[in-house]
Amino acid sequence: MIRRLLLSVVLLCTLPGSLLAQQAEGFSIDTISDAVFQRMQGRSFPADCTVKRQELRHLHVLHRNAQDSICQGELVCHQRIAHDLIDIFQQLFQAHYPIERIRLIDDYDANDECSMTDNNSSCFCFRAVAGSRKLSKHAQGMAIDINTLYNPCVRWRNGRQTVEPAAGEPYADRTKSFPYKIVAGDLLHTLFLQHGFIWGGSWQSLKDYQHFEKP
């Protein structure tokens, strides 16, 4: 297993980015299998979900944490952004960009607060925007949240600051230095923008530092 993983790393370092998505071991795009769908049902894919199962894709990606350990991650997204995400995560892996964990939000019973508090990165979850009835881009599988504890969503209402997840409040001060912090111009931010995503950290009405979505 270790030998196979080392061969994968060598392959990742020698192939151009445009070829990686098709040839790199450890990175894959699949339709939603029955086993994965069973994990999703009643959680990220509730009974009233309007997104069709066949529109979604199950991705496996390699990533590195802050200790530079190699980890295997998985996520579900819309088919329209599947190849974008594979290319982005392969380049992040090559560059040793730290991402702590990438697990299906179903492992947290689709509880966004629990997933974010665990610094989990995830994509598809059929839900409304917090505090509204409007469907989130996550409900379409067209948005992804990265390193969520250290890059919280910060809102201001009537002069009061609200931070999601609540445990991320110490990281709402973006003048501080800490691990897993996403900043404008870093590699992750640059790659997502190159692929046509919008960063929530650039919004004016609120700052969603973990969030990238594609129109």
N, C-alpha and C. Protein backbone atom coordinates (compact mmCIF):
# COMPACT_ATOMS: atom_id res chain seq x y z
N MET A 1 0.83 -1.20 0.00
CA MET A 1 0.00 0.00 0.00
C MET A 1 0.87 1.25 0.00
N ILE A 2 1.90 1.27 0.87
CA ILE A 2 2.79 2.43 0.95
C ILE A 2 3.51 2.63 -0.37
N ARG A 3 3.96 1.51 -0.99
CA ARG A 3 4.65 1.61 -2.27
C ARG A 3 3.74 2.20 -3.33
N ARG A 4 2.47 1.77 -3.35
CA ARG A 4 1.52 2.31 -4.32
C ARG A 4 1.30 3.80 -4.11
N LEU A 5 1.22 4.22 -2.83
CA LEU A 5 1.01 5.63 -2.53
C LEU A 5 2.20 6.46 -2.95
N LEU A 6 3.42 5.94 -2.74
CA LEU A 6 4.62 6.65 -3.17
C LEU A 6 4.67 6.79 -4.68
N LEU A 7 4.25 5.72 -5.39
CA LEU A 7 4.20 5.81 -6.85
C LEU A 7 3.20 6.86 -7.29
N SER A 8 2.10 6.99 -6.54
CA SER A 8 1.10 8.00 -6.86
C SER A 8 1.69 9.40 -6.73
N VAL A 9 2.48 9.61 -5.65
CA VAL A 9 3.09 10.91 -5.43
C VAL A 9 4.06 11.25 -6.55
N VAL A 10 4.86 10.27 -6.98
CA VAL A 10 5.79 10.49 -8.09
C VAL A 10 5.02 10.87 -9.34
N LEU A 11 3.94 10.17 -9.60
CA LEU A 11 3.12 10.46 -10.77
C LEU A 11 2.56 11.86 -10.72
N LEU A 12 2.10 12.27 -9.54
CA LEU A 12 1.54 13.61 -9.39
C LEU A 12 2.57 14.68 -9.66
N CYS A 13 3.81 14.42 -9.32
CA CYS A 13 4.87 15.43 -9.48
C CYS A 13 5.39 15.52 -10.90
N THR A 14 5.09 14.54 -11.73
CA THR A 14 5.66 14.53 -13.08
C THR A 14 4.66 14.85 -14.17
N LEU A 15 3.35 14.72 -13.88
CA LEU A 15 2.35 14.97 -14.91
C LEU A 15 1.93 16.42 -14.92
N PRO A 16 1.67 16.99 -16.12
CA PRO A 16 1.10 18.33 -16.18
C PRO A 16 -0.31 18.33 -15.63
N GLY A 17 -0.76 19.52 -15.12
CA GLY A 17 -2.06 19.62 -14.46
C GLY A 17 -3.20 19.13 -15.32
N SER A 18 -3.16 19.38 -16.62
CA SER A 18 -4.28 19.01 -17.48
C SER A 18 -4.47 17.51 -17.61
N LEU A 19 -3.42 16.73 -17.31
CA LEU A 19 -3.51 15.28 -17.44
C LEU A 19 -3.76 14.58 -16.11
N LEU A 20 -3.58 15.31 -15.02
CA LEU A 20 -3.65 14.67 -13.72
C LEU A 20 -5.00 14.05 -13.44
N ALA A 21 -6.08 14.75 -13.79
CA ALA A 21 -7.41 14.28 -13.44
C ALA A 21 -7.71 12.91 -14.04
N GLN A 22 -7.05 12.58 -15.16
CA GLN A 22 -7.32 11.32 -15.82
C GLN A 22 -6.38 10.20 -15.39
N GLN A 23 -5.21 10.54 -14.81
CA GLN A 23 -4.19 9.53 -14.64
C GLN A 23 -3.69 9.34 -13.20
N ALA A 24 -3.97 10.26 -12.29
CA ALA A 24 -3.37 10.17 -10.96
C ALA A 24 -4.13 9.22 -10.05
N GLU A 25 -3.43 8.25 -9.49
CA GLU A 25 -4.05 7.36 -8.52
C GLU A 25 -4.32 8.12 -7.23
N GLY A 26 -5.43 7.81 -6.61
CA GLY A 26 -5.81 8.53 -5.40
C GLY A 26 -6.82 9.63 -5.66
N PHE A 27 -7.04 9.94 -6.93
CA PHE A 27 -8.01 10.96 -7.33
C PHE A 27 -8.97 10.32 -8.33
N SER A 28 -10.27 10.41 -8.04
CA SER A 28 -11.23 9.77 -8.93
C SER A 28 -12.57 10.48 -8.90
N ILE A 29 -13.34 10.28 -9.98
CA ILE A 29 -14.69 10.80 -10.10
C ILE A 29 -15.60 9.62 -10.42
N ASP A 30 -16.62 9.40 -9.62
CA ASP A 30 -17.56 8.31 -9.84
C ASP A 30 -18.99 8.80 -9.70
N THR A 31 -19.91 8.05 -10.27
CA THR A 31 -21.32 8.30 -10.00
C THR A 31 -21.62 7.88 -8.57
N ILE A 32 -22.81 8.24 -8.09
CA ILE A 32 -23.17 7.92 -6.71
C ILE A 32 -23.60 6.46 -6.61
N SER A 33 -22.77 5.65 -5.99
CA SER A 33 -23.07 4.23 -5.84
C SER A 33 -24.21 4.03 -4.85
N ASP A 34 -24.77 2.84 -4.83
CA ASP A 34 -25.84 2.54 -3.88
C ASP A 34 -25.34 2.69 -2.44
N ALA A 35 -24.11 2.27 -2.20
CA ALA A 35 -23.55 2.35 -0.84
C ALA A 35 -23.40 3.80 -0.39
N VAL A 36 -22.91 4.67 -1.28
CA VAL A 36 -22.75 6.08 -0.94
C VAL A 36 -24.12 6.74 -0.79
N PHE A 37 -25.06 6.39 -1.68
CA PHE A 37 -26.39 6.98 -1.61
C PHE A 37 -27.10 6.60 -0.31
N GLN A 38 -26.86 5.40 0.16
CA GLN A 38 -27.45 4.97 1.43
C GLN A 38 -26.94 5.83 2.58
N ARG A 39 -25.66 6.22 2.52
CA ARG A 39 -25.09 7.10 3.55
C ARG A 39 -25.72 8.49 3.48
N MET A 40 -26.09 8.93 2.28
CA MET A 40 -26.60 10.28 2.07
C MET A 40 -28.09 10.42 2.38
N GLN A 41 -28.85 9.38 2.16
CA GLN A 41 -30.31 9.47 2.30
C GLN A 41 -30.72 9.84 3.73
N GLY A 42 -31.60 10.83 3.80
CA GLY A 42 -32.07 11.31 5.09
C GLY A 42 -31.09 12.24 5.77
N ARG A 43 -29.97 12.48 5.12
CA ARG A 43 -28.96 13.39 5.68
C ARG A 43 -28.72 14.50 4.66
N SER A 44 -27.64 14.43 3.87
CA SER A 44 -27.41 15.47 2.86
C SER A 44 -28.41 15.37 1.71
N PHE A 45 -29.04 14.20 1.56
CA PHE A 45 -30.03 13.98 0.51
C PHE A 45 -31.36 13.61 1.16
N PRO A 46 -32.09 14.62 1.67
CA PRO A 46 -33.37 14.36 2.34
C PRO A 46 -34.46 13.98 1.35
N ALA A 47 -35.61 13.61 1.88
CA ALA A 47 -36.72 13.15 1.03
C ALA A 47 -37.20 14.22 0.07
N ASP A 48 -37.08 15.50 0.44
CA ASP A 48 -37.55 16.58 -0.42
C ASP A 48 -36.46 17.15 -1.34
N CYS A 49 -35.35 16.45 -1.46
CA CYS A 49 -34.25 16.94 -2.30
C CYS A 49 -34.69 17.02 -3.76
N THR A 50 -34.43 18.17 -4.38
CA THR A 50 -34.83 18.39 -5.77
C THR A 50 -33.68 18.15 -6.75
N VAL A 51 -32.50 17.88 -6.25
CA VAL A 51 -31.36 17.56 -7.11
C VAL A 51 -31.42 16.07 -7.44
N LYS A 52 -31.19 15.74 -8.69
CA LYS A 52 -31.23 14.34 -9.10
C LYS A 52 -29.92 13.64 -8.75
N ARG A 53 -30.06 12.43 -8.27
CA ARG A 53 -28.89 11.63 -7.89
C ARG A 53 -27.89 11.54 -9.04
N GLN A 54 -28.38 11.37 -10.26
CA GLN A 54 -27.48 11.19 -11.41
C GLN A 54 -26.72 12.46 -11.78
N GLU A 55 -27.11 13.60 -11.20
CA GLU A 55 -26.39 14.85 -11.46
C GLU A 55 -25.18 15.01 -10.54
N LEU A 56 -25.10 14.17 -9.51
CA LEU A 56 -24.05 14.28 -8.51
C LEU A 56 -22.90 13.32 -8.80
N ARG A 57 -21.73 13.66 -8.29
CA ARG A 57 -20.54 12.82 -8.44
C ARG A 57 -19.86 12.64 -7.09
N HIS A 58 -19.28 11.45 -6.91
CA HIS A 58 -18.54 11.10 -5.70
C HIS A 58 -17.05 11.16 -6.03
N LEU A 59 -16.33 12.04 -5.34
CA LEU A 59 -14.92 12.26 -5.61
C LEU A 59 -14.06 11.69 -4.48
N HIS A 60 -12.95 11.09 -4.86
CA HIS A 60 -11.90 10.75 -3.91
C HIS A 60 -10.69 11.62 -4.24
N VAL A 61 -10.09 12.20 -3.21
CA VAL A 61 -8.93 13.06 -3.40
C VAL A 61 -7.90 12.79 -2.30
N LEU A 62 -6.65 12.99 -2.62
CA LEU A 62 -5.59 12.99 -1.61
C LEU A 62 -5.36 14.42 -1.16
N HIS A 63 -5.01 14.58 0.12
CA HIS A 63 -4.66 15.91 0.62
C HIS A 63 -3.67 15.75 1.76
N ARG A 64 -3.08 16.85 2.14
CA ARG A 64 -2.10 16.84 3.23
C ARG A 64 -2.60 17.73 4.36
N ASN A 65 -2.36 17.31 5.60
CA ASN A 65 -2.74 18.15 6.73
C ASN A 65 -1.56 19.05 7.13
N ALA A 66 -1.71 19.79 8.22
CA ALA A 66 -0.69 20.74 8.63
C ALA A 66 0.61 20.06 9.04
N GLN A 67 0.54 18.77 9.34
CA GLN A 67 1.75 18.01 9.67
C GLN A 67 2.35 17.36 8.43
N ASP A 68 1.78 17.67 7.27
CA ASP A 68 2.22 17.16 5.97
C ASP A 68 1.99 15.66 5.83
N SER A 69 1.08 15.10 6.64
CA SER A 69 0.70 13.71 6.47
C SER A 69 -0.28 13.59 5.31
N ILE A 70 -0.15 12.52 4.54
CA ILE A 70 -1.04 12.30 3.40
C ILE A 70 -2.34 11.66 3.89
N CYS A 71 -3.46 12.24 3.49
CA CYS A 71 -4.78 11.76 3.91
C CYS A 71 -5.64 11.49 2.68
N GLN A 72 -6.57 10.56 2.81
CA GLN A 72 -7.53 10.29 1.74
C GLN A 72 -8.84 10.97 2.10
N GLY A 73 -9.39 11.73 1.16
CA GLY A 73 -10.64 12.43 1.40
C GLY A 73 -11.68 12.06 0.37
N GLU A 74 -12.93 12.38 0.67
CA GLU A 74 -14.03 12.14 -0.27
C GLU A 74 -15.05 13.26 -0.15
N LEU A 75 -15.71 13.56 -1.25
CA LEU A 75 -16.77 14.56 -1.24
C LEU A 75 -17.75 14.28 -2.36
N VAL A 76 -18.94 14.84 -2.23
CA VAL A 76 -19.96 14.75 -3.26
C VAL A 76 -20.21 16.15 -3.80
N CYS A 77 -20.27 16.28 -5.12
CA CYS A 77 -20.48 17.58 -5.76
C CYS A 77 -21.34 17.41 -6.99
N HIS A 78 -21.74 18.51 -7.60
CA HIS A 78 -22.45 18.46 -8.87
C HIS A 78 -21.48 18.07 -9.97
N GLN A 79 -21.96 17.36 -10.96
CA GLN A 79 -21.09 16.91 -12.05
C GLN A 79 -20.42 18.08 -12.79
N ARG A 80 -21.04 19.26 -12.76
CA ARG A 80 -20.49 20.41 -13.47
C ARG A 80 -19.15 20.88 -12.91
N ILE A 81 -18.90 20.63 -11.62
CA ILE A 81 -17.64 21.11 -11.03
C ILE A 81 -16.70 19.98 -10.63
N ALA A 82 -17.05 18.75 -10.97
CA ALA A 82 -16.25 17.60 -10.55
C ALA A 82 -14.81 17.69 -11.05
N HIS A 83 -14.64 17.97 -12.33
CA HIS A 83 -13.28 18.04 -12.89
C HIS A 83 -12.53 19.26 -12.37
N ASP A 84 -13.24 20.35 -12.12
CA ASP A 84 -12.60 21.52 -11.50
C ASP A 84 -11.99 21.13 -10.16
N LEU A 85 -12.78 20.46 -9.33
CA LEU A 85 -12.31 20.12 -7.99
C LEU A 85 -11.16 19.13 -8.02
N ILE A 86 -11.23 18.16 -8.91
CA ILE A 86 -10.13 17.21 -9.02
C ILE A 86 -8.84 17.92 -9.39
N ASP A 87 -8.90 18.81 -10.37
CA ASP A 87 -7.70 19.54 -10.78
C ASP A 87 -7.17 20.42 -9.65
N ILE A 88 -8.06 21.11 -8.96
CA ILE A 88 -7.65 21.98 -7.85
C ILE A 88 -6.99 21.17 -6.74
N PHE A 89 -7.63 20.09 -6.32
CA PHE A 89 -7.08 19.32 -5.21
C PHE A 89 -5.78 18.62 -5.57
N GLN A 90 -5.62 18.25 -6.81
CA GLN A 90 -4.34 17.65 -7.22
C GLN A 90 -3.22 18.67 -7.14
N GLN A 91 -3.49 19.89 -7.57
CA GLN A 91 -2.46 20.92 -7.50
C GLN A 91 -2.16 21.31 -6.05
N LEU A 92 -3.18 21.35 -5.20
CA LEU A 92 -2.96 21.62 -3.78
C LEU A 92 -2.13 20.52 -3.13
N PHE A 93 -2.40 19.28 -3.51
CA PHE A 93 -1.65 18.15 -2.98
C PHE A 93 -0.18 18.24 -3.38
N GLN A 94 0.06 18.54 -4.64
CA GLN A 94 1.43 18.69 -5.12
C GLN A 94 2.18 19.77 -4.35
N ALA A 95 1.48 20.84 -4.03
CA ALA A 95 2.11 21.99 -3.40
C ALA A 95 2.16 21.88 -1.87
N HIS A 96 1.67 20.75 -1.32
CA HIS A 96 1.66 20.53 0.13
C HIS A 96 0.79 21.56 0.85
N TYR A 97 -0.27 22.03 0.20
CA TYR A 97 -1.19 22.98 0.84
C TYR A 97 -2.00 22.22 1.90
N PRO A 98 -2.06 22.73 3.13
CA PRO A 98 -2.70 21.96 4.21
C PRO A 98 -4.23 22.04 4.23
N ILE A 99 -4.87 20.89 4.23
CA ILE A 99 -6.30 20.75 4.45
C ILE A 99 -6.47 19.63 5.47
N GLU A 100 -7.15 19.91 6.57
CA GLU A 100 -7.14 18.94 7.67
C GLU A 100 -7.93 17.68 7.37
N ARG A 101 -9.17 17.83 6.93
CA ARG A 101 -9.97 16.64 6.62
C ARG A 101 -11.02 16.96 5.56
N ILE A 102 -11.35 15.95 4.75
CA ILE A 102 -12.36 16.06 3.72
C ILE A 102 -13.25 14.82 3.83
N ARG A 103 -14.39 14.97 4.48
CA ARG A 103 -15.31 13.86 4.70
C ARG A 103 -16.71 14.27 4.26
N LEU A 104 -17.52 13.30 3.91
CA LEU A 104 -18.91 13.60 3.58
C LEU A 104 -19.60 14.18 4.82
N ILE A 105 -20.41 15.20 4.61
CA ILE A 105 -21.11 15.80 5.74
C ILE A 105 -22.09 14.82 6.37
N ASP A 106 -22.39 13.75 5.65
CA ASP A 106 -23.26 12.70 6.20
C ASP A 106 -22.62 12.02 7.40
N ASP A 107 -21.29 12.04 7.48
CA ASP A 107 -20.61 11.48 8.65
C ASP A 107 -20.92 12.28 9.91
N TYR A 108 -21.47 13.49 9.72
CA TYR A 108 -21.88 14.36 10.83
C TYR A 108 -23.41 14.50 10.86
N ASP A 109 -24.12 13.53 10.25
CA ASP A 109 -25.58 13.57 10.14
C ASP A 109 -26.05 14.84 9.45
N ALA A 110 -25.24 15.34 8.51
CA ALA A 110 -25.54 16.56 7.75
C ALA A 110 -25.71 17.78 8.65
N ASN A 111 -25.10 17.74 9.83
CA ASN A 111 -25.13 18.88 10.75
C ASN A 111 -23.95 19.78 10.43
N ASP A 112 -24.25 20.94 9.82
CA ASP A 112 -23.19 21.82 9.34
C ASP A 112 -22.32 22.34 10.47
N GLU A 113 -22.93 22.65 11.61
CA GLU A 113 -22.18 23.17 12.75
C GLU A 113 -21.16 22.13 13.23
N CYS A 114 -21.57 20.88 13.32
CA CYS A 114 -20.65 19.82 13.76
C CYS A 114 -19.52 19.62 12.76
N SER A 115 -19.86 19.62 11.48
CA SER A 115 -18.85 19.44 10.44
C SER A 115 -17.84 20.58 10.46
N MET A 116 -18.33 21.81 10.57
CA MET A 116 -17.43 22.96 10.58
C MET A 116 -16.55 22.98 11.82
N THR A 117 -17.13 22.64 12.96
CA THR A 117 -16.35 22.64 14.20
C THR A 117 -15.22 21.63 14.14
N ASP A 118 -15.40 20.56 13.38
CA ASP A 118 -14.36 19.54 13.21
C ASP A 118 -13.37 19.93 12.11
N ASN A 119 -13.49 21.16 11.61
CA ASN A 119 -12.62 21.66 10.53
C ASN A 119 -12.71 20.79 9.28
N ASN A 120 -13.90 20.28 9.04
CA ASN A 120 -14.11 19.43 7.88
C ASN A 120 -14.40 20.24 6.63
N SER A 121 -13.90 19.78 5.50
CA SER A 121 -14.17 20.40 4.19
C SER A 121 -15.19 19.54 3.46
N SER A 122 -16.28 20.16 2.98
CA SER A 122 -17.33 19.39 2.33
C SER A 122 -18.01 20.23 1.27
N CYS A 123 -18.85 19.57 0.47
CA CYS A 123 -19.47 20.24 -0.67
C CYS A 123 -20.99 20.10 -0.65
N PHE A 124 -21.53 19.00 -1.16
CA PHE A 124 -22.99 18.88 -1.31
C PHE A 124 -23.70 18.65 0.01
N CYS A 125 -24.78 19.42 0.21
CA CYS A 125 -25.72 19.18 1.30
C CYS A 125 -26.98 19.96 0.96
N PHE A 126 -28.08 19.26 0.78
CA PHE A 126 -29.33 19.93 0.38
C PHE A 126 -29.91 20.64 1.60
N ARG A 127 -29.69 21.95 1.65
CA ARG A 127 -30.13 22.75 2.79
C ARG A 127 -30.30 24.20 2.36
N ALA A 128 -30.99 24.95 3.21
CA ALA A 128 -31.17 26.37 2.96
C ALA A 128 -29.99 27.15 3.52
N VAL A 129 -29.83 28.39 3.03
CA VAL A 129 -28.85 29.30 3.62
C VAL A 129 -29.24 29.54 5.07
N ALA A 130 -28.27 29.56 5.96
CA ALA A 130 -28.55 29.76 7.38
C ALA A 130 -29.37 31.04 7.59
N GLY A 131 -30.49 30.90 8.32
CA GLY A 131 -31.33 32.04 8.62
C GLY A 131 -32.29 32.46 7.53
N SER A 132 -32.45 31.61 6.50
CA SER A 132 -33.35 31.95 5.40
C SER A 132 -34.00 30.69 4.85
N ARG A 133 -34.90 30.87 3.87
CA ARG A 133 -35.51 29.74 3.19
C ARG A 133 -34.89 29.51 1.81
N LYS A 134 -33.96 30.35 1.45
CA LYS A 134 -33.30 30.26 0.14
C LYS A 134 -32.33 29.08 0.14
N LEU A 135 -32.38 28.26 -0.90
CA LEU A 135 -31.47 27.13 -0.99
C LEU A 135 -30.04 27.61 -1.17
N SER A 136 -29.15 26.96 -0.45
CA SER A 136 -27.73 27.26 -0.55
C SER A 136 -27.15 26.69 -1.85
N LYS A 137 -26.04 27.24 -2.27
CA LYS A 137 -25.31 26.66 -3.40
C LYS A 137 -24.84 25.25 -3.08
N HIS A 138 -24.70 24.95 -1.79
CA HIS A 138 -24.36 23.58 -1.38
C HIS A 138 -25.49 22.62 -1.74
N ALA A 139 -26.73 23.12 -1.73
CA ALA A 139 -27.87 22.29 -2.07
C ALA A 139 -27.82 21.85 -3.53
N GLN A 140 -27.12 22.60 -4.36
CA GLN A 140 -26.94 22.25 -5.76
C GLN A 140 -25.65 21.45 -5.99
N GLY A 141 -24.82 21.36 -4.96
CA GLY A 141 -23.51 20.73 -5.12
C GLY A 141 -22.54 21.62 -5.86
N MET A 142 -22.80 22.94 -5.85
CA MET A 142 -21.99 23.89 -6.60
C MET A 142 -21.13 24.77 -5.69
N ALA A 143 -21.01 24.41 -4.43
CA ALA A 143 -20.20 25.17 -3.48
C ALA A 143 -19.42 24.20 -2.59
N ILE A 144 -18.28 24.68 -2.12
CA ILE A 144 -17.45 23.86 -1.23
C ILE A 144 -16.92 24.75 -0.12
N ASP A 145 -16.85 24.20 1.09
CA ASP A 145 -16.28 24.89 2.24
C ASP A 145 -14.98 24.19 2.63
N ILE A 146 -13.93 24.97 2.85
CA ILE A 146 -12.59 24.43 3.10
C ILE A 146 -12.08 24.88 4.47
N ASN A 147 -11.48 23.94 5.22
CA ASN A 147 -10.88 24.27 6.52
C ASN A 147 -11.80 25.17 7.33
N THR A 148 -12.97 24.65 7.62
CA THR A 148 -14.10 25.46 8.06
C THR A 148 -13.97 26.09 9.45
N LEU A 149 -13.30 25.42 10.38
CA LEU A 149 -13.14 25.99 11.72
C LEU A 149 -12.31 27.26 11.68
N TYR A 150 -11.24 27.23 10.92
CA TYR A 150 -10.29 28.34 10.89
C TYR A 150 -10.65 29.42 9.87
N ASN A 151 -11.72 29.17 9.12
CA ASN A 151 -12.18 30.14 8.13
C ASN A 151 -13.69 30.29 8.25
N PRO A 152 -14.15 30.86 9.35
CA PRO A 152 -15.58 30.87 9.64
C PRO A 152 -16.37 31.85 8.77
N CYS A 153 -17.68 31.72 8.85
CA CYS A 153 -18.58 32.69 8.24
C CYS A 153 -18.90 33.75 9.29
N VAL A 154 -18.66 35.01 8.96
CA VAL A 154 -18.83 36.10 9.92
C VAL A 154 -19.91 37.06 9.42
N ARG A 155 -20.94 37.26 10.24
CA ARG A 155 -22.03 38.18 9.91
C ARG A 155 -22.12 39.28 10.96
N TRP A 156 -22.64 40.42 10.53
CA TRP A 156 -22.91 41.52 11.46
C TRP A 156 -24.37 41.91 11.34
N ARG A 157 -25.09 41.86 12.45
CA ARG A 157 -26.49 42.23 12.48
C ARG A 157 -26.72 43.16 13.66
N ASN A 158 -27.22 44.36 13.35
CA ASN A 158 -27.48 45.36 14.39
C ASN A 158 -26.24 45.59 15.26
N GLY A 159 -25.10 45.63 14.59
CA GLY A 159 -23.85 45.89 15.29
C GLY A 159 -23.29 44.71 16.05
N ARG A 160 -23.93 43.56 15.94
CA ARG A 160 -23.48 42.37 16.67
C ARG A 160 -22.89 41.36 15.70
N GLN A 161 -21.76 40.80 16.06
CA GLN A 161 -21.07 39.82 15.23
C GLN A 161 -21.55 38.41 15.55
N THR A 162 -21.86 37.66 14.49
CA THR A 162 -22.21 36.24 14.63
C THR A 162 -21.21 35.42 13.83
N VAL A 163 -20.69 34.37 14.43
CA VAL A 163 -19.66 33.54 13.79
C VAL A 163 -20.15 32.11 13.70
N GLU A 164 -19.99 31.51 12.52
CA GLU A 164 -20.34 30.11 12.28
C GLU A 164 -19.14 29.38 11.68
N PRO A 165 -18.67 28.32 12.35
CA PRO A 165 -19.20 27.75 13.59
C PRO A 165 -18.85 28.63 14.79
N ALA A 166 -19.59 28.47 15.86
CA ALA A 166 -19.34 29.29 17.05
C ALA A 166 -17.92 29.11 17.57
N ALA A 167 -17.38 27.90 17.43
CA ALA A 167 -16.02 27.62 17.90
C ALA A 167 -14.97 28.34 17.05
N GLY A 168 -15.39 28.88 15.90
CA GLY A 168 -14.45 29.58 15.03
C GLY A 168 -14.29 31.05 15.36
N GLU A 169 -14.93 31.52 16.43
CA GLU A 169 -14.87 32.95 16.77
C GLU A 169 -13.43 33.48 16.92
N PRO A 170 -12.50 32.72 17.53
CA PRO A 170 -11.13 33.24 17.64
C PRO A 170 -10.47 33.51 16.28
N TYR A 171 -11.01 32.88 15.21
CA TYR A 171 -10.39 33.01 13.89
C TYR A 171 -11.13 34.00 13.00
N ALA A 172 -12.10 34.72 13.58
CA ALA A 172 -12.80 35.78 12.84
C ALA A 172 -11.89 36.99 12.66
N ASP A 173 -10.91 37.14 13.53
CA ASP A 173 -9.91 38.21 13.40
C ASP A 173 -8.87 37.78 12.39
N ARG A 174 -8.98 38.30 11.17
CA ARG A 174 -8.11 37.84 10.08
C ARG A 174 -6.74 38.51 10.08
N THR A 175 -6.48 39.35 11.07
CA THR A 175 -5.13 39.93 11.20
C THR A 175 -4.18 38.97 11.90
N LYS A 176 -4.74 37.94 12.54
CA LYS A 176 -3.92 36.98 13.27
C LYS A 176 -3.39 35.89 12.34
N SER A 177 -2.33 35.25 12.75
CA SER A 177 -1.75 34.13 12.01
C SER A 177 -2.13 32.83 12.72
N PHE A 178 -2.56 31.83 11.94
CA PHE A 178 -2.91 30.53 12.50
C PHE A 178 -2.94 29.51 11.36
N PRO A 179 -2.85 28.23 11.67
CA PRO A 179 -2.84 27.21 10.61
C PRO A 179 -4.17 27.15 9.87
N TYR A 180 -4.12 26.67 8.64
CA TYR A 180 -5.29 26.43 7.80
C TYR A 180 -6.02 27.72 7.39
N LYS A 181 -5.40 28.85 7.57
CA LYS A 181 -6.03 30.13 7.23
C LYS A 181 -6.00 30.35 5.71
N ILE A 182 -7.15 30.71 5.14
CA ILE A 182 -7.25 31.03 3.71
C ILE A 182 -7.15 32.55 3.56
N VAL A 183 -6.27 33.01 2.72
CA VAL A 183 -6.12 34.45 2.47
C VAL A 183 -6.16 34.72 0.98
N ALA A 184 -6.61 35.89 0.62
CA ALA A 184 -6.64 36.29 -0.79
C ALA A 184 -5.24 36.23 -1.38
N GLY A 185 -5.12 35.56 -2.52
CA GLY A 185 -3.83 35.46 -3.18
C GLY A 185 -3.05 34.21 -2.85
N ASP A 186 -3.50 33.43 -1.85
CA ASP A 186 -2.78 32.17 -1.60
C ASP A 186 -3.15 31.16 -2.68
N LEU A 187 -2.50 30.01 -2.67
CA LEU A 187 -2.67 29.06 -3.76
C LEU A 187 -4.11 28.57 -3.88
N LEU A 188 -4.73 28.22 -2.76
CA LEU A 188 -6.11 27.71 -2.82
C LEU A 188 -7.05 28.76 -3.40
N HIS A 189 -6.97 29.97 -2.90
CA HIS A 189 -7.79 31.08 -3.39
C HIS A 189 -7.56 31.31 -4.88
N THR A 190 -6.30 31.31 -5.29
CA THR A 190 -5.95 31.55 -6.70
C THR A 190 -6.51 30.47 -7.61
N LEU A 191 -6.36 29.20 -7.21
CA LEU A 191 -6.83 28.10 -8.05
C LEU A 191 -8.34 28.12 -8.21
N PHE A 192 -9.06 28.37 -7.12
CA PHE A 192 -10.52 28.40 -7.23
C PHE A 192 -10.99 29.54 -8.13
N LEU A 193 -10.36 30.69 -8.01
CA LEU A 193 -10.75 31.80 -8.88
C LEU A 193 -10.41 31.51 -10.34
N GLN A 194 -9.29 30.85 -10.58
CA GLN A 194 -8.91 30.49 -11.95
C GLN A 194 -9.94 29.55 -12.57
N HIS A 195 -10.60 28.76 -11.74
CA HIS A 195 -11.61 27.81 -12.23
C HIS A 195 -13.02 28.42 -12.23
N GLY A 196 -13.13 29.71 -12.01
CA GLY A 196 -14.41 30.39 -12.13
C GLY A 196 -15.25 30.43 -10.88
N PHE A 197 -14.65 30.12 -9.72
CA PHE A 197 -15.40 30.17 -8.47
C PHE A 197 -15.36 31.58 -7.87
N ILE A 198 -16.34 31.86 -7.03
CA ILE A 198 -16.42 33.11 -6.26
C ILE A 198 -16.08 32.78 -4.81
N TRP A 199 -15.31 33.66 -4.17
CA TRP A 199 -14.90 33.44 -2.78
C TRP A 199 -15.80 34.23 -1.84
N GLY A 200 -16.35 33.55 -0.84
CA GLY A 200 -17.19 34.22 0.15
C GLY A 200 -16.45 35.23 1.00
N GLY A 201 -15.13 35.11 1.05
CA GLY A 201 -14.34 36.06 1.82
C GLY A 201 -14.26 37.44 1.20
N SER A 202 -14.71 37.56 -0.05
CA SER A 202 -14.69 38.86 -0.73
C SER A 202 -16.05 39.54 -0.72
N TRP A 203 -17.07 38.89 -0.13
CA TRP A 203 -18.40 39.47 -0.07
C TRP A 203 -18.42 40.67 0.88
N GLN A 204 -19.37 41.57 0.65
CA GLN A 204 -19.47 42.78 1.48
C GLN A 204 -20.46 42.61 2.63
N SER A 205 -21.60 41.96 2.38
CA SER A 205 -22.65 41.86 3.40
C SER A 205 -22.26 40.92 4.54
N LEU A 206 -21.42 39.96 4.23
CA LEU A 206 -20.88 39.03 5.23
C LEU A 206 -19.55 38.52 4.69
N LYS A 207 -18.79 37.86 5.53
CA LYS A 207 -17.52 37.27 5.13
C LYS A 207 -17.56 35.78 5.40
N ASP A 208 -17.60 34.99 4.34
CA ASP A 208 -17.64 33.53 4.47
C ASP A 208 -16.29 33.00 3.97
N TYR A 209 -15.31 33.01 4.85
CA TYR A 209 -13.92 32.77 4.45
C TYR A 209 -13.67 31.34 3.98
N GLN A 210 -14.51 30.42 4.35
CA GLN A 210 -14.33 29.01 3.99
C GLN A 210 -14.93 28.67 2.64
N HIS A 211 -15.76 29.55 2.09
CA HIS A 211 -16.74 29.23 1.05
C HIS A 211 -16.29 29.63 -0.36
N PHE A 212 -16.39 28.67 -1.29
CA PHE A 212 -16.18 28.94 -2.72
C PHE A 212 -17.37 28.36 -3.47
N GLU A 213 -17.94 29.13 -4.37
CA GLU A 213 -19.07 28.64 -5.16
C GLU A 213 -18.92 29.03 -6.61
N LYS A 214 -19.55 28.24 -7.47
CA LYS A 214 -19.52 28.52 -8.91
C LYS A 214 -20.92 28.89 -9.37
N PRO A 215 -21.04 30.00 -10.10
CA PRO A 215 -22.35 30.45 -10.57
C PRO A 215 -23.02 29.41 -11.46
